[in-house]
PDB file of N, CA and C in Angstrom:
ATOM      1  N   MET A   1     213.427 134.452  47.955  1.00  0.00           N
ATOM      2  CA  MET A   1     213.901 133.695  47.102  1.00  0.00           C
ATOM      3  C   MET A   1     214.640 132.170  47.485  1.00  0.00           C
ATOM      4  N   ILE A   2     213.987 131.157  47.098  1.00  0.00           N
ATOM      5  CA  ILE A   2     214.753 130.014  47.146  1.00  0.00           C
ATOM      6  C   ILE A   2     215.868 129.682  46.417  1.00  0.00           C
ATOM      7  N   ALA A   3     216.826 129.231  46.941  1.00  0.00           N
ATOM      8  CA  ALA A   3     218.015 128.544  46.326  1.00  0.00           C
ATOM      9  C   ALA A   3     218.186 126.586  46.155  1.00  0.00           C
ATOM     10  N   LEU A   4     218.305 126.062  45.702  1.00  0.00           N
ATOM     11  CA  LEU A   4     218.134 124.700  45.982  1.00  0.00           C
ATOM     12  C   LEU A   4     219.327 123.928  45.175  1.00  0.00           C
ATOM     13  N   GLY A   5     220.200 123.409  45.341  1.00  0.00           N
ATOM     14  CA  GLY A   5     221.145 122.206  44.917  1.00  0.00           C
ATOM     15  C   GLY A   5     222.509 123.411  44.655  1.00  0.00           C
ATOM     16  N   ASP A   6     222.502 123.387  43.512  1.00  0.00           N
ATOM     17  CA  ASP A   6     223.766 123.651  42.633  1.00  0.00           C
ATOM     18  C   ASP A   6     223.283 124.912  42.146  1.00  0.00           C
ATOM     19  N   THR A   7     223.854 126.027  42.748  1.00  0.00           N
ATOM     20  CA  THR A   7     223.192 127.695  42.460  1.00  0.00           C
ATOM     21  C   THR A   7     224.244 128.366  41.594  1.00  0.00           C
ATOM     22  N   GLU A   8     223.836 129.541  41.024  1.00  0.00           N
ATOM     23  CA  GLU A   8     224.859 130.507  40.796  1.00  0.00           C
ATOM     24  C   GLU A   8     224.023 131.852  40.698  1.00  0.00           C
ATOM     25  N   ALA A   9     224.978 132.299  41.029  1.00  0.00           N
ATOM     26  CA  ALA A   9     223.985 133.954  41.354  1.00  0.00           C
ATOM     27  C   ALA A   9     224.221 134.618  39.465  1.00  0.00           C
ATOM     28  N   ALA A  10     223.493 135.348  39.748  1.00  0.00           N
ATOM     29  CA  ALA A  10     222.805 136.073  37.897  1.00  0.00           C
ATOM     30  C   ALA A  10     221.924 137.140  38.281  1.00  0.00           C
ATOM     31  N   GLY A  11     222.541 137.960  38.931  1.00  0.00           N
ATOM     32  CA  GLY A  11     222.190 140.044  39.331  1.00  0.00           C
ATOM     33  C   GLY A  11     222.047 139.349  40.233  1.00  0.00           C
ATOM     34  N   SER A  12     220.430 139.428  40.468  1.00  0.00           N
ATOM     35  CA  SER A  12     219.297 139.888  41.784  1.00  0.00           C
ATOM     36  C   SER A  12     219.106 138.253  41.840  1.00  0.00           C
ATOM     37  N   VAL A  13     218.950 137.509  41.234  1.00  0.00           N
ATOM     38  CA  VAL A  13     218.165 136.171  41.837  1.00  0.00           C
ATOM     39  C   VAL A  13     219.569 135.178  41.838  1.00  0.00           C
ATOM     40  N   PHE A  14     218.633 133.764  41.598  1.00  0.00           N
ATOM     41  CA  PHE A  14     219.677 132.513  41.846  1.00  0.00           C
ATOM     42  C   PHE A  14     219.290 131.771  39.981  1.00  0.00           C
ATOM     43  N   GLN A  15     219.541 131.363  39.613  1.00  0.00           N
ATOM     44  CA  GLN A  15     219.583 130.544  38.417  1.00  0.00           C
ATOM     45  C   GLN A  15     219.945 128.574  38.884  1.00  0.00           C
ATOM     46  N   LYS A  16     218.762 128.012  38.814  1.00  0.00           N
ATOM     47  CA  LYS A  16     219.828 126.622  38.856  1.00  0.00           C
ATOM     48  C   LYS A  16     220.857 126.133  37.567  1.00  0.00           C
ATOM     49  N   ILE A  17     221.523 125.295  38.117  1.00  0.00           N
ATOM     50  CA  ILE A  17     222.200 124.505  37.475  1.00  0.00           C
ATOM     51  C   ILE A  17     221.900 123.526  37.223  1.00  0.00           C
ATOM     52  N   GLY A  18     221.699 122.830  35.943  1.00  0.00           N
ATOM     53  CA  GLY A  18     221.168 121.860  35.874  1.00  0.00           C
ATOM     54  C   GLY A  18     219.957 121.430  35.697  1.00  0.00           C
ATOM     55  N   GLU A  19     219.157 119.913  36.283  1.00  0.00           N
ATOM     56  CA  GLU A  19     218.028 119.778  36.223  1.00  0.00           C
ATOM     57  C   GLU A  19     217.909 119.615  37.547  1.00  0.00           C
ATOM     58  N   LEU A  20     216.692 119.956  38.117  1.00  0.00           N
ATOM     59  CA  LEU A  20     216.207 119.185  38.987  1.00  0.00           C
ATOM     60  C   LEU A  20     215.734 118.501  40.152  1.00  0.00           C
ATOM     61  N   SER A  21     216.557 117.489  40.721  1.00  0.00           N
ATOM     62  CA  SER A  21     216.220 116.329  41.286  1.00  0.00           C
ATOM     63  C   SER A  21     214.797 116.290  41.969  1.00  0.00           C
ATOM     64  N   THR A  22     214.760 115.126  42.216  1.00  0.00           N
ATOM     65  CA  THR A  22     213.505 114.331  43.087  1.00  0.00           C
ATOM     66  C   THR A  22     213.425 115.005  44.010  1.00  0.00           C
ATOM     67  N   GLN A  23     214.614 115.156  44.773  1.00  0.00           N
ATOM     68  CA  GLN A  23     214.315 116.142  46.213  1.00  0.00           C
ATOM     69  C   GLN A  23     214.359 117.316  45.824  1.00  0.00           C
ATOM     70  N   ASP A  24     214.719 117.853  45.175  1.00  0.00           N
ATOM     71  CA  ASP A  24     214.912 119.438  44.997  1.00  0.00           C
ATOM     72  C   ASP A  24     213.041 119.467  44.666  1.00  0.00           C
ATOM     73  N   ILE A  25     212.493 118.790  43.709  1.00  0.00           N
ATOM     74  CA  ILE A  25     211.067 119.128  43.369  1.00  0.00           C
ATOM     75  C   ILE A  25     210.054 119.113  44.569  1.00  0.00           C
ATOM     76  N   THR A  26     210.813 118.073  45.849  1.00  0.00           N
ATOM     77  CA  THR A  26     209.654 117.645  46.660  1.00  0.00           C
ATOM     78  C   THR A  26     209.792 118.778  47.685  1.00  0.00           C
ATOM     79  N   THR A  27     211.380 119.264  47.852  1.00  0.00           N
ATOM     80  CA  THR A  27     211.409 120.385  48.275  1.00  0.00           C
ATOM     81  C   THR A  27     210.824 121.466  48.162  1.00  0.00           C
ATOM     82  N   VAL A  28     210.611 121.943  46.776  1.00  0.00           N
ATOM     83  CA  VAL A  28     210.042 122.969  46.578  1.00  0.00           C
ATOM     84  C   VAL A  28     208.918 123.139  46.486  1.00  0.00           C
ATOM     85  N   LYS A  29     208.067 121.583  46.005  1.00  0.00           N
ATOM     86  CA  LYS A  29     206.811 121.783  46.333  1.00  0.00           C
ATOM     87  C   LYS A  29     205.808 121.828  47.866  1.00  0.00           C
ATOM     88  N   GLN A  30     206.817 121.293  48.636  1.00  0.00           N
ATOM     89  CA  GLN A  30     206.530 121.314  50.382  1.00  0.00           C
ATOM     90  C   GLN A  30     206.829 123.016  50.218  1.00  0.00           C
ATOM     91  N   SER A  31     207.806 123.935  50.414  1.00  0.00           N
ATOM     92  CA  SER A  31     208.208 125.222  50.546  1.00  0.00           C
ATOM     93  C   SER A  31     206.598 125.880  49.899  1.00  0.00           C
ATOM     94  N   LEU A  32     206.163 125.439  48.839  1.00  0.00           N
ATOM     95  CA  LEU A  32     205.216 126.570  47.993  1.00  0.00           C
ATOM     96  C   LEU A  32     203.758 126.098  49.028  1.00  0.00           C
ATOM     97  N   ASP A  33     204.004 124.998  49.274  1.00  0.00           N
ATOM     98  CA  ASP A  33     202.809 124.752  49.930  1.00  0.00           C
ATOM     99  C   ASP A  33     202.773 125.567  51.577  1.00  0.00           C
ATOM    100  N   SER A  34     204.173 125.838  51.858  1.00  0.00           N
ATOM    101  CA  SER A  34     204.232 126.056  53.128  1.00  0.00           C
ATOM    102  C   SER A  34     204.142 127.597  53.762  1.00  0.00           C
ATOM    103  N   ILE A  35     204.329 128.938  52.253  1.00  0.00           N
ATOM    104  CA  ILE A  35     204.220 129.889  51.850  1.00  0.00           C
ATOM    105  C   ILE A  35     203.169 130.205  50.897  1.00  0.00           C
ATOM    106  N   VAL A  36     203.264 129.890  49.915  1.00  0.00           N
ATOM    107  CA  VAL A  36     201.768 130.662  49.207  1.00  0.00           C
ATOM    108  C   VAL A  36     200.563 130.942  49.907  1.00  0.00           C
ATOM    109  N   PRO A  37     200.292 132.029  49.407  1.00  0.00           N
ATOM    110  CA  PRO A  37     198.937 132.413  50.328  1.00  0.00           C
ATOM    111  C   PRO A  37     197.998 131.760  49.986  1.00  0.00           C
ATOM    112  N   THR A  38     197.079 131.390  50.456  1.00  0.00           N
ATOM    113  CA  THR A  38     195.450 130.461  49.238  1.00  0.00           C
ATOM    114  C   THR A  38     195.241 131.536  47.744  1.00  0.00           C
ATOM    115  N   TYR A  39     194.918 133.297  48.245  1.00  0.00           N
ATOM    116  CA  TYR A  39     194.522 134.012  47.307  1.00  0.00           C
ATOM    117  C   TYR A  39     195.849 133.639  45.806  1.00  0.00           C
ATOM    118  N   LEU A  40     196.672 133.602  46.172  1.00  0.00           N
ATOM    119  CA  LEU A  40     197.721 133.310  45.101  1.00  0.00           C
ATOM    120  C   LEU A  40     198.371 131.612  44.654  1.00  0.00           C
ATOM    121  N   SER A  41     197.267 130.459  45.649  1.00  0.00           N
ATOM    122  CA  SER A  41     196.997 129.562  44.736  1.00  0.00           C
ATOM    123  C   SER A  41     197.615 129.033  43.290  1.00  0.00           C
ATOM    124  N   TRP A  42     196.240 129.997  42.678  1.00  0.00           N
ATOM    125  CA  TRP A  42     196.561 129.507  40.799  1.00  0.00           C
ATOM    126  C   TRP A  42     197.956 129.808  40.348  1.00  0.00           C
ATOM    127  N   ALA A  43     198.451 130.795  40.980  1.00  0.00           N
ATOM    128  CA  ALA A  43     200.473 130.856  40.609  1.00  0.00           C
ATOM    129  C   ALA A  43     200.920 129.690  41.197  1.00  0.00           C
ATOM    130  N   LYS A  44     200.654 129.583  42.405  1.00  0.00           N
ATOM    131  CA  LYS A  44     201.567 128.044  43.091  1.00  0.00           C
ATOM    132  C   LYS A  44     200.377 126.708  41.979  1.00  0.00           C
ATOM    133  N   GLU A  45     199.950 126.441  41.523  1.00  0.00           N
ATOM    134  CA  GLU A  45     199.803 125.905  40.511  1.00  0.00           C
ATOM    135  C   GLU A  45     200.439 125.480  38.814  1.00  0.00           C
ATOM    136  N   ILE A  46     201.013 127.093  38.637  1.00  0.00           N
ATOM    137  CA  ILE A  46     201.865 127.391  37.267  1.00  0.00           C
ATOM    138  C   ILE A  46     202.698 127.028  37.499  1.00  0.00           C
ATOM    139  N   ILE A  47     203.657 127.234  39.261  1.00  0.00           N
ATOM    140  CA  ILE A  47     204.359 126.645  39.194  1.00  0.00           C
ATOM    141  C   ILE A  47     204.690 124.940  39.383  1.00  0.00           C
ATOM    142  N   ASN A  48     203.752 124.817  39.780  1.00  0.00           N
ATOM    143  CA  ASN A  48     203.462 122.973  39.940  1.00  0.00           C
ATOM    144  C   ASN A  48     203.964 122.674  38.473  1.00  0.00           C
ATOM    145  N   LEU A  49     203.181 122.935  37.179  1.00  0.00           N
ATOM    146  CA  LEU A  49     203.271 122.768  35.975  1.00  0.00           C
ATOM    147  C   LEU A  49     204.453 122.606  35.309  1.00  0.00           C
ATOM    148  N   PHE A  50     205.421 123.179  36.095  1.00  0.00           N
ATOM    149  CA  PHE A  50     206.807 123.335  34.880  1.00  0.00           C
ATOM    150  C   PHE A  50     207.361 122.011  35.995  1.00  0.00           C
ATOM    151  N   LEU A  51     207.052 122.044  37.811  1.00  0.00           N
ATOM    152  CA  LEU A  51     207.994 120.996  38.352  1.00  0.00           C
ATOM    153  C   LEU A  51     208.234 119.836  37.608  1.00  0.00           C
TER     154      LEU A  51
END
């Protein structure tokens, strides 16, 4: 799991409180580039559509 900025516990996951900042979006994209395996690149692209 990745928790950035202001977060709160919501069961077994974290929810972002408010909007993602430009820095949050950049950090998420960099994290996705470094941790998502090549065979899941389609899933990474779907996530990037929502950022």
